[in-house]
Amino acid sequence: MAKLTYHEQKDLDNTKKLRALIKELPPFCSDFFRGIEPRTSTRTRIAYAYDLRIFFDFLRENNPQFSKLAPRDITLSMLEQLGSMDIEEYMDFLHAYSRENRGEMVNTERGLTRKLASLKSFYNYFFRMERISTNPAALVQLPKIHEKEIIRLEIDEVARLLDEVEGGEKLTEKQKAYHEKTKVRDLAIMTLLLGTGLRVSECVGLNITDIDFGVDGLRVHRKGGKEVIVYFGEEVEQALREYLRERKEIVTAEGDEDALFLSMQRKRINVRSVENLVKNTQKPSRL
């Protein structure tokens, strides 16, 4: 059997995760996920599954008609009897609620919009397939999103940030020991993110073979499976070349031989580790 690429493996893992989530939902939900598969990614469908699970939990906790039912016992005809006021009550619930083992949960404007969009897509599918005759979610407007101001770093601020990654000032002796082992990698990651605008998920998914120094470009897998070439400048090239000299000497864990950026455990670095690096450039930890 041919070895799966990083992105193929992620998609396979997501597919298995999605199947497990669907088993926790009413049986008719399987039809919805099959219906939207051709035009959505596995990550999007997982997000929909989480959102729908919250919706059904809300109904069971707040609507007497659903209170004694297990999720698998909820029917489409019961959802058809809901009105727009029920959906609006759900939106109000989403502002702040409690989840077992997760404590208090809150949603920003974007979180509310995504969860309502998931529910609209869900109702739209069954309405379009003529399996329900009413569509209460269609009557509820999406929340207005107030755009955040984009904070852009000045050239000297970028330079100071990279200096902090490279220098490792104000660290304890233990932190300095780890910093010495990871600073070339960390500098390459930060320079790449700042120099290209890549998403963190795109950065960790890079393979060595995705780099083409002939054109100073990277082959990047975007959301939805689209593949594009992202070009970089001289500073990114220098940081990548220096890291690759170090990377060639590392014996990787099995299955991660192609990965560009590695953790201290010699495995492909994960998203959370890079996010921590970005947030804590003055406090490197063992990734």
C-alpha atoms as a PDB file:
ATOM      1  CA  MET A   1       0.000   0.000   0.000  1.00  0.00           C
ATOM      2  CA  ALA A   2       1.386   3.400  -1.001  1.00  0.00           C
ATOM      3  CA  LYS A   3       2.342   5.726   1.828  1.00  0.00           C
ATOM      4  CA  LEU A   4      -0.172   8.490   2.434  1.00  0.00           C
ATOM      5  CA  THR A   5       0.921  12.099   2.291  1.00  0.00           C
ATOM      6  CA  TYR A   6       0.480  14.319   5.363  1.00  0.00           C
ATOM      7  CA  HIS A   7      -2.656  15.874   3.870  1.00  0.00           C
ATOM      8  CA  GLU A   8      -4.104  12.502   2.831  1.00  0.00           C
ATOM      9  CA  GLN A   9      -3.482  11.146   6.339  1.00  0.00           C
ATOM     10  CA  LYS A  10      -5.125  14.202   7.928  1.00  0.00           C
ATOM     11  CA  ASP A  11      -8.126  13.739   5.659  1.00  0.00           C
ATOM     12  CA  LEU A  12      -8.332  10.051   6.591  1.00  0.00           C
ATOM     13  CA  ASP A  13      -8.097  10.867  10.311  1.00  0.00           C
ATOM     14  CA  ASN A  14     -10.782  13.523   9.912  1.00  0.00           C
ATOM     15  CA  THR A  15     -13.040  11.059   8.094  1.00  0.00           C
ATOM     16  CA  LYS A  16     -12.769   8.584  10.977  1.00  0.00           C
ATOM     17  CA  LYS A  17     -13.417  11.357  13.500  1.00  0.00           C
ATOM     18  CA  LEU A  18     -16.450  12.522  11.530  1.00  0.00           C
ATOM     19  CA  ARG A  19     -17.919   9.008  11.448  1.00  0.00           C
ATOM     20  CA  ALA A  20     -17.643   8.793  15.238  1.00  0.00           C
ATOM     21  CA  LEU A  21     -19.325  12.183  15.665  1.00  0.00           C
ATOM     22  CA  ILE A  22     -22.183  11.283  13.309  1.00  0.00           C
ATOM     23  CA  LYS A  23     -22.964   8.226  15.450  1.00  0.00           C
ATOM     24  CA  GLU A  24     -23.827  10.616  18.301  1.00  0.00           C
ATOM     25  CA  LEU A  25     -26.407  12.450  16.154  1.00  0.00           C
ATOM     26  CA  PRO A  26     -29.899  11.460  14.954  1.00  0.00           C
ATOM     27  CA  PRO A  27     -29.737   8.877  12.127  1.00  0.00           C
ATOM     28  CA  PHE A  28     -31.034  11.234   9.421  1.00  0.00           C
ATOM     29  CA  CYS A  29     -27.941  13.425   9.898  1.00  0.00           C
ATOM     30  CA  SER A  30     -25.933  10.868   7.918  1.00  0.00           C
ATOM     31  CA  ASP A  31     -27.916  11.838   4.820  1.00  0.00           C
ATOM     32  CA  PHE A  32     -27.010  15.490   5.332  1.00  0.00           C
ATOM     33  CA  PHE A  33     -23.286  14.787   5.575  1.00  0.00           C
ATOM     34  CA  ARG A  34     -23.345  12.583   2.487  1.00  0.00           C
ATOM     35  CA  GLY A  35     -25.220  15.309   0.645  1.00  0.00           C
ATOM     36  CA  ILE A  36     -22.699  18.064   1.384  1.00  0.00           C
ATOM     37  CA  GLU A  37     -19.582  15.898   0.945  1.00  0.00           C
ATOM     38  CA  PRO A  38     -18.883  16.859  -2.711  1.00  0.00           C
ATOM     39  CA  ARG A  39     -18.600  20.568  -1.907  1.00  0.00           C
ATOM     40  CA  THR A  40     -17.080  20.611   1.593  1.00  0.00           C
ATOM     41  CA  SER A  41     -13.845  19.504   3.251  1.00  0.00           C
ATOM     42  CA  THR A  42     -13.706  16.980   6.085  1.00  0.00           C
ATOM     43  CA  ARG A  43     -12.712  19.809   8.449  1.00  0.00           C
ATOM     44  CA  THR A  44     -15.851  21.740   7.528  1.00  0.00           C
ATOM     45  CA  ARG A  45     -18.057  18.685   8.026  1.00  0.00           C
ATOM     46  CA  ILE A  46     -16.489  18.033  11.444  1.00  0.00           C
ATOM     47  CA  ALA A  47     -17.254  21.637  12.426  1.00  0.00           C
ATOM     48  CA  TYR A  48     -20.870  21.122  11.282  1.00  0.00           C
ATOM     49  CA  ALA A  49     -21.100  17.915  13.343  1.00  0.00           C
ATOM     50  CA  TYR A  50     -19.907  19.689  16.495  1.00  0.00           C
ATOM     51  CA  ASP A  51     -22.349  22.542  15.884  1.00  0.00           C
ATOM     52  CA  LEU A  52     -25.284  20.194  15.326  1.00  0.00           C
ATOM     53  CA  ARG A  53     -24.442  18.263  18.480  1.00  0.00           C
ATOM     54  CA  ILE A  54     -24.661  21.508  20.462  1.00  0.00           C
ATOM     55  CA  PHE A  55     -28.014  22.269  18.826  1.00  0.00           C
ATOM     56  CA  PHE A  56     -29.508  18.890  19.736  1.00  0.00           C
ATOM     57  CA  ASP A  57     -28.141  19.161  23.287  1.00  0.00           C
ATOM     58  CA  PHE A  58     -29.811  22.576  23.555  1.00  0.00           C
ATOM     59  CA  LEU A  59     -33.160  21.131  22.455  1.00  0.00           C
ATOM     60  CA  ARG A  60     -32.938  18.280  24.960  1.00  0.00           C
ATOM     61  CA  GLU A  61     -32.036  20.638  27.794  1.00  0.00           C
ATOM     62  CA  ASN A  62     -34.453  23.476  27.026  1.00  0.00           C
ATOM     63  CA  ASN A  63     -37.403  22.131  25.027  1.00  0.00           C
ATOM     64  CA  PRO A  64     -39.915  19.863  26.875  1.00  0.00           C
ATOM     65  CA  GLN A  65     -40.731  18.035  23.639  1.00  0.00           C
ATOM     66  CA  PHE A  66     -37.113  16.792  23.438  1.00  0.00           C
ATOM     67  CA  SER A  67     -36.214  16.532  27.139  1.00  0.00           C
ATOM     68  CA  LYS A  68     -36.745  12.784  27.530  1.00  0.00           C
ATOM     69  CA  LEU A  69     -35.247  11.793  24.197  1.00  0.00           C
ATOM     70  CA  ALA A  70     -31.814  10.433  23.389  1.00  0.00           C
ATOM     71  CA  PRO A  71     -30.196  12.210  20.394  1.00  0.00           C
ATOM     72  CA  ARG A  72     -30.755   9.123  18.222  1.00  0.00           C
ATOM     73  CA  ASP A  73     -34.525   9.285  18.919  1.00  0.00           C
ATOM     74  CA  ILE A  74     -35.010  12.795  17.501  1.00  0.00           C
ATOM     75  CA  THR A  75     -36.863  12.773  14.178  1.00  0.00           C
ATOM     76  CA  LEU A  76     -37.050  15.142  11.232  1.00  0.00           C
ATOM     77  CA  SER A  77     -40.749  15.684  11.800  1.00  0.00           C
ATOM     78  CA  MET A  78     -39.963  16.988  15.290  1.00  0.00           C
ATOM     79  CA  LEU A  79     -37.457  19.485  13.876  1.00  0.00           C
ATOM     80  CA  GLU A  80     -40.056  20.541  11.315  1.00  0.00           C
ATOM     81  CA  GLN A  81     -42.345  21.654  14.150  1.00  0.00           C
ATOM     82  CA  LEU A  82     -39.812  24.150  15.490  1.00  0.00           C
ATOM     83  CA  GLY A  83     -40.305  27.841  14.707  1.00  0.00           C
ATOM     84  CA  SER A  84     -37.999  30.782  14.176  1.00  0.00           C
ATOM     85  CA  MET A  85     -38.385  31.720  17.864  1.00  0.00           C
ATOM     86  CA  ASP A  86     -36.869  28.362  18.821  1.00  0.00           C
ATOM     87  CA  ILE A  87     -33.857  29.117  16.638  1.00  0.00           C
ATOM     88  CA  GLU A  88     -33.536  32.602  18.136  1.00  0.00           C
ATOM     89  CA  GLU A  89     -33.637  31.089  21.639  1.00  0.00           C
ATOM     90  CA  TYR A  90     -30.837  28.766  20.547  1.00  0.00           C
ATOM     91  CA  MET A  91     -28.790  31.756  19.370  1.00  0.00           C
ATOM     92  CA  ASP A  92     -29.324  33.445  22.743  1.00  0.00           C
ATOM     93  CA  PHE A  93     -28.241  30.232  24.488  1.00  0.00           C
ATOM     94  CA  LEU A  94     -24.990  30.197  22.491  1.00  0.00           C
ATOM     95  CA  HIS A  95     -23.792  33.471  23.984  1.00  0.00           C
ATOM     96  CA  ALA A  96     -22.852  31.601  27.186  1.00  0.00           C
ATOM     97  CA  TYR A  97     -23.467  27.990  28.186  1.00  0.00           C
ATOM     98  CA  SER A  98     -21.852  25.138  30.117  1.00  0.00           C
ATOM     99  CA  ARG A  99     -20.512  21.871  28.754  1.00  0.00           C
ATOM    100  CA  GLU A 100     -19.602  18.829  30.794  1.00  0.00           C
ATOM    101  CA  ASN A 101     -15.815  18.525  31.191  1.00  0.00           C
ATOM    102  CA  ARG A 102     -15.311  21.858  29.355  1.00  0.00           C
ATOM    103  CA  GLY A 103     -16.817  24.386  31.754  1.00  0.00           C
ATOM    104  CA  GLU A 104     -18.257  27.693  30.595  1.00  0.00           C
ATOM    105  CA  MET A 105     -18.396  28.264  26.836  1.00  0.00           C
ATOM    106  CA  VAL A 106     -18.924  31.568  25.036  1.00  0.00           C
ATOM    107  CA  ASN A 107     -19.265  32.537  21.376  1.00  0.00           C
ATOM    108  CA  THR A 108     -18.112  35.687  19.636  1.00  0.00           C
ATOM    109  CA  GLU A 109     -19.948  37.167  16.653  1.00  0.00           C
ATOM    110  CA  ARG A 110     -18.017  34.856  14.354  1.00  0.00           C
ATOM    111  CA  GLY A 111     -18.801  31.805  16.485  1.00  0.00           C
ATOM    112  CA  LEU A 112     -22.510  32.645  16.518  1.00  0.00           C
ATOM    113  CA  THR A 113     -22.495  33.224  12.768  1.00  0.00           C
ATOM    114  CA  ARG A 114     -20.793  29.907  12.043  1.00  0.00           C
ATOM    115  CA  LYS A 115     -23.174  27.917  14.232  1.00  0.00           C
ATOM    116  CA  LEU A 116     -26.237  29.535  12.685  1.00  0.00           C
ATOM    117  CA  ALA A 117     -24.761  29.011   9.212  1.00  0.00           C
ATOM    118  CA  SER A 118     -24.309  25.310  10.043  1.00  0.00           C
ATOM    119  CA  LEU A 119     -27.926  25.055  11.133  1.00  0.00           C
ATOM    120  CA  LYS A 120     -29.154  26.932   8.039  1.00  0.00           C
ATOM    121  CA  SER A 121     -27.201  24.563   5.801  1.00  0.00           C
ATOM    122  CA  PHE A 122     -28.685  21.603   7.678  1.00  0.00           C
ATOM    123  CA  TYR A 123     -32.294  22.794   7.333  1.00  0.00           C
ATOM    124  CA  ASN A 124     -31.753  23.946   3.739  1.00  0.00           C
ATOM    125  CA  TYR A 125     -30.608  20.484   2.712  1.00  0.00           C
ATOM    126  CA  PHE A 126     -33.690  18.690   4.001  1.00  0.00           C
ATOM    127  CA  PHE A 127     -36.016  21.440   2.754  1.00  0.00           C
ATOM    128  CA  ARG A 128     -34.454  21.274  -0.703  1.00  0.00           C
ATOM    129  CA  MET A 129     -34.773  17.476  -0.701  1.00  0.00           C
ATOM    130  CA  GLU A 130     -38.492  17.926   0.207  1.00  0.00           C
ATOM    131  CA  ARG A 131     -38.138  15.922   3.395  1.00  0.00           C
ATOM    132  CA  ILE A 132     -39.456  18.829   5.475  1.00  0.00           C
ATOM    133  CA  SER A 133     -42.018  21.451   4.473  1.00  0.00           C
ATOM    134  CA  THR A 134     -40.888  24.301   6.753  1.00  0.00           C
ATOM    135  CA  ASN A 135     -37.504  25.920   7.226  1.00  0.00           C
ATOM    136  CA  PRO A 136     -37.415  27.985  10.449  1.00  0.00           C
ATOM    137  CA  ALA A 137     -33.661  28.571  10.250  1.00  0.00           C
ATOM    138  CA  ALA A 138     -34.146  30.476   6.978  1.00  0.00           C
ATOM    139  CA  LEU A 139     -36.203  33.086   8.859  1.00  0.00           C
ATOM    140  CA  VAL A 140     -33.385  33.977  11.272  1.00  0.00           C
ATOM    141  CA  GLN A 141     -30.810  36.503  10.096  1.00  0.00           C
ATOM    142  CA  LEU A 142     -27.092  35.942  10.528  1.00  0.00           C
ATOM    143  CA  PRO A 143     -25.492  38.213  13.160  1.00  0.00           C
ATOM    144  CA  LYS A 144     -23.703  41.261  11.845  1.00  0.00           C
ATOM    145  CA  ILE A 145     -19.951  40.808  12.117  1.00  0.00           C
ATOM    146  CA  HIS A 146     -17.902  43.847  13.067  1.00  0.00           C
ATOM    147  CA  GLU A 147     -14.613  43.506  11.256  1.00  0.00           C
ATOM    148  CA  LYS A 148     -11.517  43.597  13.429  1.00  0.00           C
ATOM    149  CA  GLU A 149      -8.871  46.102  12.563  1.00  0.00           C
ATOM    150  CA  ILE A 150      -5.863  44.375  11.007  1.00  0.00           C
ATOM    151  CA  ILE A 151      -2.754  45.004  13.084  1.00  0.00           C
ATOM    152  CA  ARG A 152       0.297  45.239  10.842  1.00  0.00           C
ATOM    153  CA  LEU A 153       3.857  45.121  12.132  1.00  0.00           C
ATOM    154  CA  GLU A 154       6.294  47.793  11.061  1.00  0.00           C
ATOM    155  CA  ILE A 155       9.630  46.670   9.611  1.00  0.00           C
ATOM    156  CA  ASP A 156      11.508  47.451  12.828  1.00  0.00           C
ATOM    157  CA  GLU A 157       8.891  45.540  14.864  1.00  0.00           C
ATOM    158  CA  VAL A 158       9.354  42.478  12.653  1.00  0.00           C
ATOM    159  CA  ALA A 159      13.128  42.771  13.097  1.00  0.00           C
ATOM    160  CA  ARG A 160      12.807  42.967  16.892  1.00  0.00           C
ATOM    161  CA  LEU A 161      10.485  39.967  16.930  1.00  0.00           C
ATOM    162  CA  LEU A 162      12.940  37.857  14.935  1.00  0.00           C
ATOM    163  CA  ASP A 163      15.812  39.071  17.114  1.00  0.00           C
ATOM    164  CA  GLU A 164      13.918  37.835  20.180  1.00  0.00           C
ATOM    165  CA  VAL A 165      13.426  34.419  18.578  1.00  0.00           C
ATOM    166  CA  GLU A 166      17.090  34.193  17.683  1.00  0.00           C
ATOM    167  CA  GLY A 167      18.610  35.758  20.798  1.00  0.00           C
ATOM    168  CA  GLY A 168      16.712  34.042  23.601  1.00  0.00           C
ATOM    169  CA  GLU A 169      17.180  36.886  26.040  1.00  0.00           C
ATOM    170  CA  LYS A 170      15.660  36.812  29.554  1.00  0.00           C
ATOM    171  CA  LEU A 171      15.477  33.007  29.610  1.00  0.00           C
ATOM    172  CA  THR A 172      16.227  30.659  32.472  1.00  0.00           C
ATOM    173  CA  GLU A 173      19.174  28.312  32.035  1.00  0.00           C
ATOM    174  CA  LYS A 174      16.796  25.429  31.327  1.00  0.00           C
ATOM    175  CA  GLN A 175      14.932  27.475  28.723  1.00  0.00           C
ATOM    176  CA  LYS A 176      18.211  28.507  27.108  1.00  0.00           C
ATOM    177  CA  ALA A 177      19.207  24.858  26.739  1.00  0.00           C
ATOM    178  CA  TYR A 178      16.048  24.118  24.737  1.00  0.00           C
ATOM    179  CA  HIS A 179      16.332  27.388  22.885  1.00  0.00           C
ATOM    180  CA  GLU A 180      19.773  26.444  21.582  1.00  0.00           C
ATOM    181  CA  LYS A 181      18.306  23.244  20.134  1.00  0.00           C
ATOM    182  CA  THR A 182      15.321  24.882  18.445  1.00  0.00           C
ATOM    183  CA  LYS A 183      16.302  28.463  17.579  1.00  0.00           C
ATOM    184  CA  VAL A 184      17.272  27.745  13.942  1.00  0.00           C
ATOM    185  CA  ARG A 185      13.968  25.968  13.385  1.00  0.00           C
ATOM    186  CA  ASP A 186      11.987  28.608  15.280  1.00  0.00           C
ATOM    187  CA  LEU A 187      13.608  31.422  13.321  1.00  0.00           C
ATOM    188  CA  ALA A 188      12.800  29.655  10.045  1.00  0.00           C
ATOM    189  CA  ILE A 189       9.162  29.190  11.081  1.00  0.00           C
ATOM    190  CA  MET A 190       8.710  32.785  12.217  1.00  0.00           C
ATOM    191  CA  THR A 191      10.490  34.217   9.183  1.00  0.00           C
ATOM    192  CA  LEU A 192       8.360  32.060   6.901  1.00  0.00           C
ATOM    193  CA  LEU A 193       5.080  33.049   8.576  1.00  0.00           C
ATOM    194  CA  LEU A 194       5.946  36.742   8.604  1.00  0.00           C
ATOM    195  CA  GLY A 195       7.385  36.706   5.083  1.00  0.00           C
ATOM    196  CA  THR A 196       4.592  34.814   3.328  1.00  0.00           C
ATOM    197  CA  GLY A 197       1.426  35.166   5.394  1.00  0.00           C
ATOM    198  CA  LEU A 198       0.938  31.380   5.526  1.00  0.00           C
ATOM    199  CA  ARG A 199      -1.608  29.957   7.936  1.00  0.00           C
ATOM    200  CA  VAL A 200      -0.077  27.969  10.776  1.00  0.00           C
ATOM    201  CA  SER A 201      -1.855  24.825   9.523  1.00  0.00           C
ATOM    202  CA  GLU A 202      -0.301  25.353   6.097  1.00  0.00           C
ATOM    203  CA  CYS A 203       3.128  25.808   7.651  1.00  0.00           C
ATOM    204  CA  VAL A 204       3.057  22.561   9.639  1.00  0.00           C
ATOM    205  CA  GLY A 205       1.794  20.669   6.578  1.00  0.00           C
ATOM    206  CA  LEU A 206       4.830  21.574   4.481  1.00  0.00           C
ATOM    207  CA  ASN A 207       7.148  18.845   3.239  1.00  0.00           C
ATOM    208  CA  ILE A 208      10.784  19.336   2.261  1.00  0.00           C
ATOM    209  CA  THR A 209       9.849  18.637  -1.351  1.00  0.00           C
ATOM    210  CA  ASP A 210       7.340  21.509  -1.293  1.00  0.00           C
ATOM    211  CA  ILE A 211      10.223  24.000  -1.384  1.00  0.00           C
ATOM    212  CA  ASP A 212      11.504  25.071  -4.801  1.00  0.00           C
ATOM    213  CA  PHE A 213      14.511  27.348  -4.466  1.00  0.00           C
ATOM    214  CA  GLY A 214      14.662  27.582  -8.245  1.00  0.00           C
ATOM    215  CA  VAL A 215      11.664  29.925  -8.204  1.00  0.00           C
ATOM    216  CA  ASP A 216      11.747  30.789  -4.484  1.00  0.00           C
ATOM    217  CA  GLY A 217       8.319  29.274  -4.017  1.00  0.00           C
ATOM    218  CA  LEU A 218       6.419  26.857  -1.793  1.00  0.00           C
ATOM    219  CA  ARG A 219       3.736  24.386  -2.828  1.00  0.00           C
ATOM    220  CA  VAL A 220       0.986  25.012  -0.285  1.00  0.00           C
ATOM    221  CA  HIS A 221      -2.211  23.058   0.308  1.00  0.00           C
ATOM    222  CA  ARG A 222      -5.036  25.502   1.012  1.00  0.00           C
ATOM    223  CA  LYS A 223      -8.351  24.797   2.700  1.00  0.00           C
ATOM    224  CA  GLY A 224     -10.567  22.643   0.538  1.00  0.00           C
ATOM    225  CA  GLY A 225      -7.615  20.817  -1.006  1.00  0.00           C
ATOM    226  CA  LYS A 226      -6.575  23.590  -3.406  1.00  0.00           C
ATOM    227  CA  GLU A 227      -2.840  23.640  -4.156  1.00  0.00           C
ATOM    228  CA  VAL A 228      -1.083  26.956  -4.827  1.00  0.00           C
ATOM    229  CA  ILE A 229       2.460  28.312  -5.139  1.00  0.00           C
ATOM    230  CA  VAL A 230       3.428  30.923  -2.539  1.00  0.00           C
ATOM    231  CA  TYR A 231       6.572  32.898  -3.322  1.00  0.00           C
ATOM    232  CA  PHE A 232       9.090  34.126  -0.753  1.00  0.00           C
ATOM    233  CA  GLY A 233      11.902  36.630  -0.514  1.00  0.00           C
ATOM    234  CA  GLU A 234      15.595  36.536   0.303  1.00  0.00           C
ATOM    235  CA  GLU A 235      15.240  36.543   4.100  1.00  0.00           C
ATOM    236  CA  VAL A 236      12.870  33.563   4.012  1.00  0.00           C
ATOM    237  CA  GLU A 237      15.219  31.751   1.629  1.00  0.00           C
ATOM    238  CA  GLN A 238      18.204  32.265   3.929  1.00  0.00           C
ATOM    239  CA  ALA A 239      16.274  31.099   7.013  1.00  0.00           C
ATOM    240  CA  LEU A 240      14.994  27.995   5.212  1.00  0.00           C
ATOM    241  CA  ARG A 241      18.414  27.078   3.822  1.00  0.00           C
ATOM    242  CA  GLU A 242      20.028  27.388   7.244  1.00  0.00           C
ATOM    243  CA  TYR A 243      17.321  25.249   8.825  1.00  0.00           C
ATOM    244  CA  LEU A 244      17.539  22.630   6.072  1.00  0.00           C
ATOM    245  CA  ARG A 245      21.264  22.173   6.771  1.00  0.00           C
ATOM    246  CA  GLU A 246      20.316  21.290  10.342  1.00  0.00           C
ATOM    247  CA  ARG A 247      17.246  19.302   9.270  1.00  0.00           C
ATOM    248  CA  LYS A 248      19.356  16.937   7.106  1.00  0.00           C
ATOM    249  CA  GLU A 249      21.197  15.712  10.200  1.00  0.00           C
ATOM    250  CA  ILE A 250      18.023  14.699  12.045  1.00  0.00           C
ATOM    251  CA  VAL A 251      16.845  11.098  12.005  1.00  0.00           C
ATOM    252  CA  THR A 252      13.082  11.472  12.016  1.00  0.00           C
ATOM    253  CA  ALA A 253      10.433   9.315  13.631  1.00  0.00           C
ATOM    254  CA  GLU A 254       8.883   6.744  11.338  1.00  0.00           C
ATOM    255  CA  GLY A 255       6.250   8.243   9.084  1.00  0.00           C
ATOM    256  CA  ASP A 256       7.528  11.823   9.300  1.00  0.00           C
ATOM    257  CA  GLU A 257      10.540  11.542   7.001  1.00  0.00           C
ATOM    258  CA  ASP A 258       9.126  14.095   4.545  1.00  0.00           C
ATOM    259  CA  ALA A 259       8.027  16.705   7.111  1.00  0.00           C
ATOM    260  CA  LEU A 260       9.784  20.061   6.869  1.00  0.00           C
ATOM    261  CA  PHE A 261       9.463  21.276  10.453  1.00  0.00           C
ATOM    262  CA  LEU A 262      10.051  18.770  13.255  1.00  0.00           C
ATOM    263  CA  SER A 263       9.333  18.807  16.966  1.00  0.00           C
ATOM    264  CA  MET A 264      11.886  17.884  19.625  1.00  0.00           C
ATOM    265  CA  GLN A 265      10.459  14.370  19.393  1.00  0.00           C
ATOM    266  CA  ARG A 266      11.572  14.270  15.699  1.00  0.00           C
ATOM    267  CA  LYS A 267       7.950  14.184  14.527  1.00  0.00           C
ATOM    268  CA  ARG A 268       6.090  16.683  12.338  1.00  0.00           C
ATOM    269  CA  ILE A 269       5.494  19.750  14.473  1.00  0.00           C
ATOM    270  CA  ASN A 270       1.818  20.368  15.246  1.00  0.00           C
ATOM    271  CA  VAL A 271      -0.347  23.463  14.984  1.00  0.00           C
ATOM    272  CA  ARG A 272      -0.555  24.111  18.709  1.00  0.00           C
ATOM    273  CA  SER A 273       3.225  24.097  19.106  1.00  0.00           C
ATOM    274  CA  VAL A 274       3.659  26.714  16.377  1.00  0.00           C
ATOM    275  CA  GLU A 275       0.840  28.804  17.834  1.00  0.00           C
ATOM    276  CA  ASN A 276       2.602  28.696  21.200  1.00  0.00           C
ATOM    277  CA  LEU A 277       5.843  29.737  19.532  1.00  0.00           C
ATOM    278  CA  VAL A 278       4.157  32.729  17.923  1.00  0.00           C
ATOM    279  CA  LYS A 279       2.472  33.760  21.182  1.00  0.00           C
ATOM    280  CA  ASN A 280       5.497  33.243  23.396  1.00  0.00           C
ATOM    281  CA  THR A 281       8.527  34.318  21.390  1.00  0.00           C
ATOM    282  CA  GLN A 282      10.200  35.483  24.583  1.00  0.00           C
ATOM    283  CA  LYS A 283       9.405  32.277  26.448  1.00  0.00           C
ATOM    284  CA  PRO A 284      10.301  29.305  24.227  1.00  0.00           C
ATOM    285  CA  SER A 285       9.196  25.977  25.620  1.00  0.00           C
ATOM    286  CA  ARG A 286       9.904  22.439  24.611  1.00  0.00           C
ATOM    287  CA  LEU A 287       7.812  21.793  21.467  1.00  0.00           C
END
